[in-house]
Structures are given as structure tokens and as C-alpha cells.
């Protein structure tokens, strides 16, 4: 009886070690798969956010002479800005504040991408998405008068199903130029360049690509070039996209969508 008991114990220990080894191997295989699945779920949530924002934008347009909300404009102080999120918030009901600086640290409803990762003290997760300045315009307090533009009407869009309304960004600005062409990017200065840089970083947010809201109200994921940019000294040099989302139709006519129609 004693010998039998010892044999059973020895066999059980070996079996346990084998099972642990198998579990470890399976975990090593499956954990990346689970992480990828969670990433896809966050990507889907982000896509849903943009679709709902698109409904809010188009509802605003219907109530305001077919004109898009302006990206931002100086508030009563003339120093900080009121933004497009505040304009469409009556249709979203997220209590978005009039002054954008009051959103620091606040994750407000559908304005936040689940993969927004800025953890700095000045982070604005509710600025996860940026409008396209070519269509939404901007009267940004940080821009010179010559660079300030007004929003356009829907009637001015030539290819709404391919016109970018909203792109993902890293939260520093609420609008972007979307300039991925090195020459076009190099010609920008100051705020125009820094508000493009947030897009270059943001366009690889989900599985090497990003979600975009297009002018007809639909949202879609587009793959970004790899890498999205290179670093030259203290500046970024964008890598141009010819098949995903591009800056200008004339530069990348085969792209799926554009920031500027030309």
C-alpha cells in the first residue's frame, strides 16, 4: 500500500508539472491574441464615437444654414478658445464646457478615444479627435489673422464621401492641417505645424492606422504609412500616404480620402 501511494504521488507531481508547462505555453500564445482582441474592441468603440459625432455635426449643420461648426474661436478673454465640441454638444449632451482649457483631465462622453494615451498634467482626453481645418476653418486665438479661416457649407464639398471631417490626434489641438507631404509640412509654421504633428502621431493609434469621420457622415479605418514620420533634429518629417488618407488629392490621387480636395 505504501509503495502504491508513493507511485501515485510521484505520478501526480509529474502530471502537474506537465500541465503547468502546457498552460504557460498556451498563455504565451493566447495573451497576445487577447491583447489584440481588446485593441480591436477599443478601435470599434472609437469608430462608434466618430459616427455619433458625425450625427451631431450633421444635426448642427441642418440647424445652421448648412454650414459646418467652426473648429474654434477665442472666448470672451481673447486668450483661450471655444471649440467645435461645445458647438455640437447640444446634440450630444456631454456638458462640454465653453472654454477648452476646462477639459484638462476630463473624459467627456464620445469625445474620447479609448486608446488616448497622454498622461501629462495638461492632457485633454476630450480632444482625442481633431477637425479638418480645410473645411471647419478656425479663428484660433493662437493663429495670426492671415491664417484664420471660416467654416464652409456642405454645398462647397465636391467629394463628401472622401473628405476628412475628423481625424484622430494626441489632444494638443482641436483641429489639424493633416499635412503628410514633406514639402507641404515644411512650409507650415508655428501653430499650423504643431497642430499637424498631433495628427502624424495619432494616425497610427489603432493597429497601425486610425479612424476618420468623412463628409457624408460615415466613419472608416484607414491604414497609415509605416513609419508615420521620421525625426530630423527637433522636427518631424512626415511620410506621405498614397493609398490611405492623404493631404491633397492632387498629390495623392489614389488615396482613399483627403484633407484637401484641390
Protein backbone atom coordinates (compact mmCIF):
# COMPACT_ATOMS: atom_id res chain seq x y z
CA UNK A 1 0.00 0.00 0.00
CA UNK A 2 2.83 2.38 0.87
CA UNK A 3 4.60 1.72 -2.45
CA UNK A 4 1.36 2.32 -4.38
CA UNK A 5 0.81 5.59 -2.54
CA UNK A 6 4.29 6.79 -3.36
CA UNK A 7 3.85 5.93 -7.03
CA UNK A 8 0.58 7.88 -7.19
CA UNK A 9 2.18 10.94 -5.58
CA UNK A 10 5.17 10.83 -7.93
CA UNK A 11 2.94 10.45 -10.98
CA UNK A 12 0.69 13.32 -9.83
CA UNK A 13 3.61 15.70 -9.41
CA UNK A 14 4.94 14.96 -12.88
CA UNK A 15 1.49 15.38 -14.36
CA UNK A 16 1.09 18.70 -12.56
CA UNK A 17 4.39 19.97 -13.94
CA UNK A 18 3.34 18.95 -17.46
CA UNK A 19 0.00 20.74 -17.08
CA UNK A 20 1.74 23.89 -15.78
CA UNK A 21 4.10 23.80 -18.75
CA UNK A 22 1.20 23.43 -21.17
CA UNK A 23 -0.66 26.34 -19.52
CA UNK A 24 2.44 28.51 -19.75
CA UNK A 25 2.82 27.73 -23.44
CA UNK A 26 -0.85 28.41 -24.14
CA UNK A 27 -0.67 31.67 -22.18
CA UNK A 28 2.32 32.81 -24.22
CA UNK A 29 0.37 32.07 -27.39
CA UNK A 30 -3.03 33.42 -26.35
CA UNK A 31 -2.19 36.57 -24.37
CA UNK A 32 -1.09 38.50 -27.48
CA UNK A 33 -4.29 37.34 -29.18
CA UNK A 34 -6.37 38.58 -26.25
CA UNK A 35 -4.49 41.89 -26.28
CA UNK A 36 -5.17 42.25 -29.99
CA UNK A 37 -8.85 41.49 -29.44
CA UNK A 38 -9.05 44.16 -26.75
CA UNK A 39 -7.34 46.58 -29.11
CA UNK A 40 -9.90 45.83 -31.82
CA UNK A 41 -12.71 46.41 -29.30
CA UNK A 42 -11.28 49.84 -28.44
CA UNK A 43 -10.92 50.59 -32.15
CA UNK A 44 -14.60 49.69 -32.67
CA UNK A 45 -15.63 51.94 -29.78
CA UNK A 46 -13.62 54.79 -31.27
CA UNK A 47 -15.26 54.23 -34.65
CA UNK A 48 -18.68 54.34 -32.97
CA UNK A 49 -17.69 57.60 -31.24
CA UNK A 50 -16.88 59.21 -34.55
CA UNK A 51 -20.11 58.04 -36.15
CA UNK A 52 -22.09 59.60 -33.29
CA UNK A 53 -20.06 62.79 -33.54
CA UNK A 54 -20.86 62.78 -37.26
CA UNK A 55 -24.57 62.68 -36.43
CA UNK A 56 -24.08 65.63 -34.10
CA UNK A 57 -22.17 67.60 -36.74
CA UNK A 58 -24.79 66.99 -39.42
CA UNK A 59 -27.57 67.90 -36.98
CA UNK A 60 -25.74 71.15 -36.25
CA UNK A 61 -25.41 71.78 -39.99
CA UNK A 62 -29.15 71.35 -40.51
CA UNK A 63 -29.84 73.97 -37.84
CA UNK A 64 -27.20 76.45 -39.04
CA UNK A 65 -27.73 77.22 -42.72
CA UNK A 66 -25.93 74.09 -43.95
CA UNK A 67 -22.64 75.41 -42.53
CA UNK A 68 -20.17 73.35 -40.52
CA UNK A 69 -19.25 74.39 -36.97
CA UNK A 70 -16.00 76.33 -36.79
CA UNK A 71 -13.11 74.41 -35.23
CA UNK A 72 -12.52 77.03 -32.53
CA UNK A 73 -12.65 80.75 -31.81
CA UNK A 74 -11.43 83.00 -28.97
CA UNK A 75 -13.67 83.15 -25.92
CA UNK A 76 -14.51 86.40 -24.12
CA UNK A 77 -10.96 86.64 -22.74
CA UNK A 78 -9.45 86.54 -26.22
CA UNK A 79 -6.80 84.14 -24.92
CA UNK A 80 -8.37 80.68 -24.77
CA UNK A 81 -10.75 79.08 -27.25
CA UNK A 82 -14.30 77.81 -27.53
CA UNK A 83 -14.33 74.71 -29.73
CA UNK A 84 -16.41 72.65 -32.13
CA UNK A 85 -17.22 70.15 -29.37
CA UNK A 86 -19.07 72.87 -27.48
CA UNK A 87 -20.96 73.79 -30.66
CA UNK A 88 -22.33 70.29 -31.27
CA UNK A 89 -22.74 69.38 -27.60
CA UNK A 90 -26.48 70.26 -27.55
CA UNK A 91 -26.89 67.19 -29.78
CA UNK A 92 -24.52 65.03 -27.71
CA UNK A 93 -25.45 66.11 -24.15
CA UNK A 94 -21.98 65.65 -22.61
CA UNK A 95 -21.84 69.04 -20.83
CA UNK A 96 -18.79 70.11 -22.80
CA UNK A 97 -17.51 73.40 -21.34
CA UNK A 98 -17.31 76.63 -23.32
CA UNK A 99 -13.58 77.00 -22.59
CA UNK A 100 -11.39 74.15 -23.86
CA UNK A 101 -8.89 74.51 -21.00
CA UNK A 102 -11.63 73.38 -18.62
CA UNK A 103 -11.49 69.90 -20.14
CA UNK A 104 -7.99 69.11 -18.84
CA UNK A 105 -8.17 65.67 -17.25
CA UNK A 106 -11.84 65.19 -18.19
CA UNK A 107 -13.03 62.26 -20.28
CA UNK A 108 -16.32 63.51 -21.69
CA UNK A 109 -18.55 61.01 -23.45
CA UNK A 110 -17.94 60.22 -27.12
CA UNK A 111 -15.25 62.89 -27.47
CA UNK A 112 -12.68 60.47 -26.01
CA UNK A 113 -10.88 57.69 -27.87
CA UNK A 114 -10.36 54.64 -25.58
CA UNK A 115 -6.74 54.50 -26.77
CA UNK A 116 -5.96 58.11 -25.91
CA UNK A 117 -2.68 57.77 -24.01
CA UNK A 118 -1.47 61.26 -22.99
CA UNK A 119 -0.87 61.17 -19.22
CA UNK A 120 0.66 64.64 -18.81
CA UNK A 121 -0.81 67.14 -16.36
CA UNK A 122 -2.17 69.21 -19.27
CA UNK A 123 -3.73 66.26 -21.11
CA UNK A 124 -7.14 66.84 -22.70
CA UNK A 125 -8.60 63.39 -23.44
CA UNK A 126 -11.79 65.07 -24.69
CA UNK A 127 -9.69 66.42 -27.56
CA UNK A 128 -8.94 62.93 -28.89
CA UNK A 129 -10.26 63.96 -32.30
CA UNK A 130 -9.35 66.95 -34.46
CA UNK A 131 -11.38 68.62 -37.18
CA UNK A 132 -10.02 69.25 -40.65
CA UNK A 133 -9.17 72.96 -40.85
CA UNK A 134 -9.74 72.98 -44.61
CA UNK A 135 -13.50 72.57 -44.05
CA UNK A 136 -14.17 73.56 -40.44
CA UNK A 137 -11.88 76.59 -40.51
CA UNK A 138 -10.51 78.19 -37.35
CA UNK A 139 -10.31 81.58 -35.65
CA UNK A 140 -7.82 80.15 -33.14
CA UNK A 141 -6.51 82.76 -30.69
CA UNK A 142 -3.01 81.35 -31.29
CA UNK A 143 -3.08 81.98 -35.05
CA UNK A 144 -2.18 85.13 -36.91
CA UNK A 145 -5.06 86.89 -38.66
CA UNK A 146 -3.83 85.76 -42.08
CA UNK A 147 -4.19 82.10 -41.15
CA UNK A 148 -7.70 82.34 -39.73
CA UNK A 149 -10.46 80.91 -41.90
CA UNK A 150 -14.20 80.31 -41.65
CA UNK A 151 -16.09 77.03 -41.90
CA UNK A 152 -17.57 76.01 -45.26
CA UNK A 153 -21.06 74.89 -46.21
CA UNK A 154 -21.92 71.35 -47.27
CA UNK A 155 -22.67 72.65 -50.76
CA UNK A 156 -18.98 73.51 -51.15
CA UNK A 157 -17.86 69.89 -50.76
CA UNK A 158 -17.05 68.18 -54.05
CA UNK A 159 -16.41 64.65 -52.80
CA UNK A 160 -18.03 64.36 -49.35
CA UNK A 161 -17.56 60.59 -49.10
CA UNK A 162 -13.78 61.15 -49.37
CA UNK A 163 -13.43 64.44 -47.49
CA UNK A 164 -11.96 64.13 -44.00
CA UNK A 165 -14.06 65.81 -41.33
CA UNK A 166 -12.44 64.34 -38.24
CA UNK A 167 -9.13 62.60 -37.59
CA UNK A 168 -7.54 61.10 -34.52
CA UNK A 169 -4.99 63.20 -32.70
CA UNK A 170 -3.00 63.35 -29.50
CA UNK A 171 -5.05 66.11 -27.89
CA UNK A 172 -2.87 69.19 -28.22
CA UNK A 173 -5.12 70.89 -30.79
CA UNK A 174 -8.76 70.54 -31.78
CA UNK A 175 -8.02 70.98 -35.50
CA UNK A 176 -5.28 69.87 -37.87
CA UNK A 177 -3.90 70.63 -41.31
CA UNK A 178 -3.33 66.93 -41.93
CA UNK A 179 -0.23 67.73 -43.99
CA UNK A 180 1.55 64.44 -44.62
CA UNK A 181 3.51 65.73 -47.62
CA UNK A 182 7.05 66.67 -46.51
CA UNK A 183 7.17 69.81 -48.67
CA UNK A 184 3.72 70.98 -47.55
CA UNK A 185 4.57 70.25 -43.91
CA UNK A 186 7.89 72.12 -44.15
CA UNK A 187 6.09 75.22 -45.43
CA UNK A 188 3.95 75.40 -42.29
CA UNK A 189 4.99 77.37 -39.25
CA UNK A 190 4.17 77.73 -35.58
CA UNK A 191 0.70 76.54 -34.61
CA UNK A 192 -0.03 75.18 -38.09
CA UNK A 193 2.90 72.81 -37.83
CA UNK A 194 2.29 71.77 -34.21
CA UNK A 195 -1.38 71.09 -34.96
CA UNK A 196 -0.30 68.87 -37.86
CA UNK A 197 2.19 67.00 -35.69
CA UNK A 198 -0.58 65.75 -33.40
CA UNK A 199 -2.19 64.11 -36.42
CA UNK A 200 1.03 62.46 -37.57
CA UNK A 201 1.31 60.83 -34.15
CA UNK A 202 -2.39 59.98 -33.90
CA UNK A 203 -2.82 58.35 -37.30
CA UNK A 204 -1.19 55.11 -36.11
CA UNK A 205 -3.34 54.78 -32.97
CA UNK A 206 -5.23 51.62 -33.90
CA UNK A 207 -3.29 48.68 -35.34
CA UNK A 208 -1.06 50.88 -37.47
CA UNK A 209 -3.92 53.05 -38.68
CA UNK A 210 -6.66 55.37 -37.48
CA UNK A 211 -10.38 56.05 -37.71
CA UNK A 212 -11.69 59.00 -39.71
CA UNK A 213 -15.08 60.68 -40.00
CA UNK A 214 -15.88 61.53 -43.61
CA UNK A 215 -18.06 64.29 -45.01
CA UNK A 216 -21.08 62.13 -45.77
CA UNK A 217 -21.29 61.07 -42.10
CA UNK A 218 -19.67 57.63 -42.28
CA UNK A 219 -16.54 56.67 -40.34
CA UNK A 220 -13.84 54.32 -41.55
CA UNK A 221 -10.46 52.91 -40.52
CA UNK A 222 -7.51 53.64 -42.82
CA UNK A 223 -4.01 52.20 -42.58
CA UNK A 224 -1.21 54.73 -42.08
CA UNK A 225 2.22 54.53 -43.72
CA UNK A 226 4.92 52.83 -41.68
CA UNK A 227 6.54 54.76 -40.14
CA UNK A 228 4.15 57.69 -39.89
CA UNK A 229 7.07 60.12 -39.63
CA UNK A 230 10.79 60.30 -39.07
CA UNK A 231 12.61 62.65 -36.73
CA UNK A 232 15.13 65.16 -38.08
CA UNK A 233 16.78 67.08 -35.28
CA UNK A 234 13.95 68.56 -33.26
CA UNK A 235 11.40 68.35 -36.08
CA UNK A 236 9.24 65.65 -37.61
CA UNK A 237 9.30 64.69 -41.28
CA UNK A 238 6.00 63.08 -42.33
CA UNK A 239 5.80 60.02 -44.53
CA UNK A 240 3.26 60.60 -47.28
CA UNK A 241 0.27 58.32 -47.69
CA UNK A 242 -0.71 57.42 -51.25
CA UNK A 243 -3.39 54.82 -50.55
CA UNK A 244 -4.88 55.72 -47.14
CA UNK A 245 -5.66 59.28 -46.12
CA UNK A 246 -3.62 61.99 -47.82
CA UNK A 247 -3.19 65.74 -47.52
CA UNK A 248 -4.19 66.77 -51.06
CA UNK A 249 -5.99 64.96 -53.85
CA UNK A 250 -3.58 66.44 -56.42
CA UNK A 251 -0.56 64.99 -54.59
CA UNK A 252 -2.04 61.54 -53.88
CA UNK A 253 -4.97 60.97 -56.28
CA UNK A 254 -5.15 57.23 -55.47
CA UNK A 255 -5.71 57.84 -51.73
CA UNK A 256 -8.97 56.76 -50.12
CA UNK A 257 -9.65 60.18 -48.58
CA UNK A 258 -8.17 63.68 -48.46
CA UNK A 259 -7.88 66.65 -46.16
CA UNK A 260 -7.99 68.98 -49.16
CA UNK A 261 -9.87 68.39 -52.39
CA UNK A 262 -7.94 70.88 -54.53
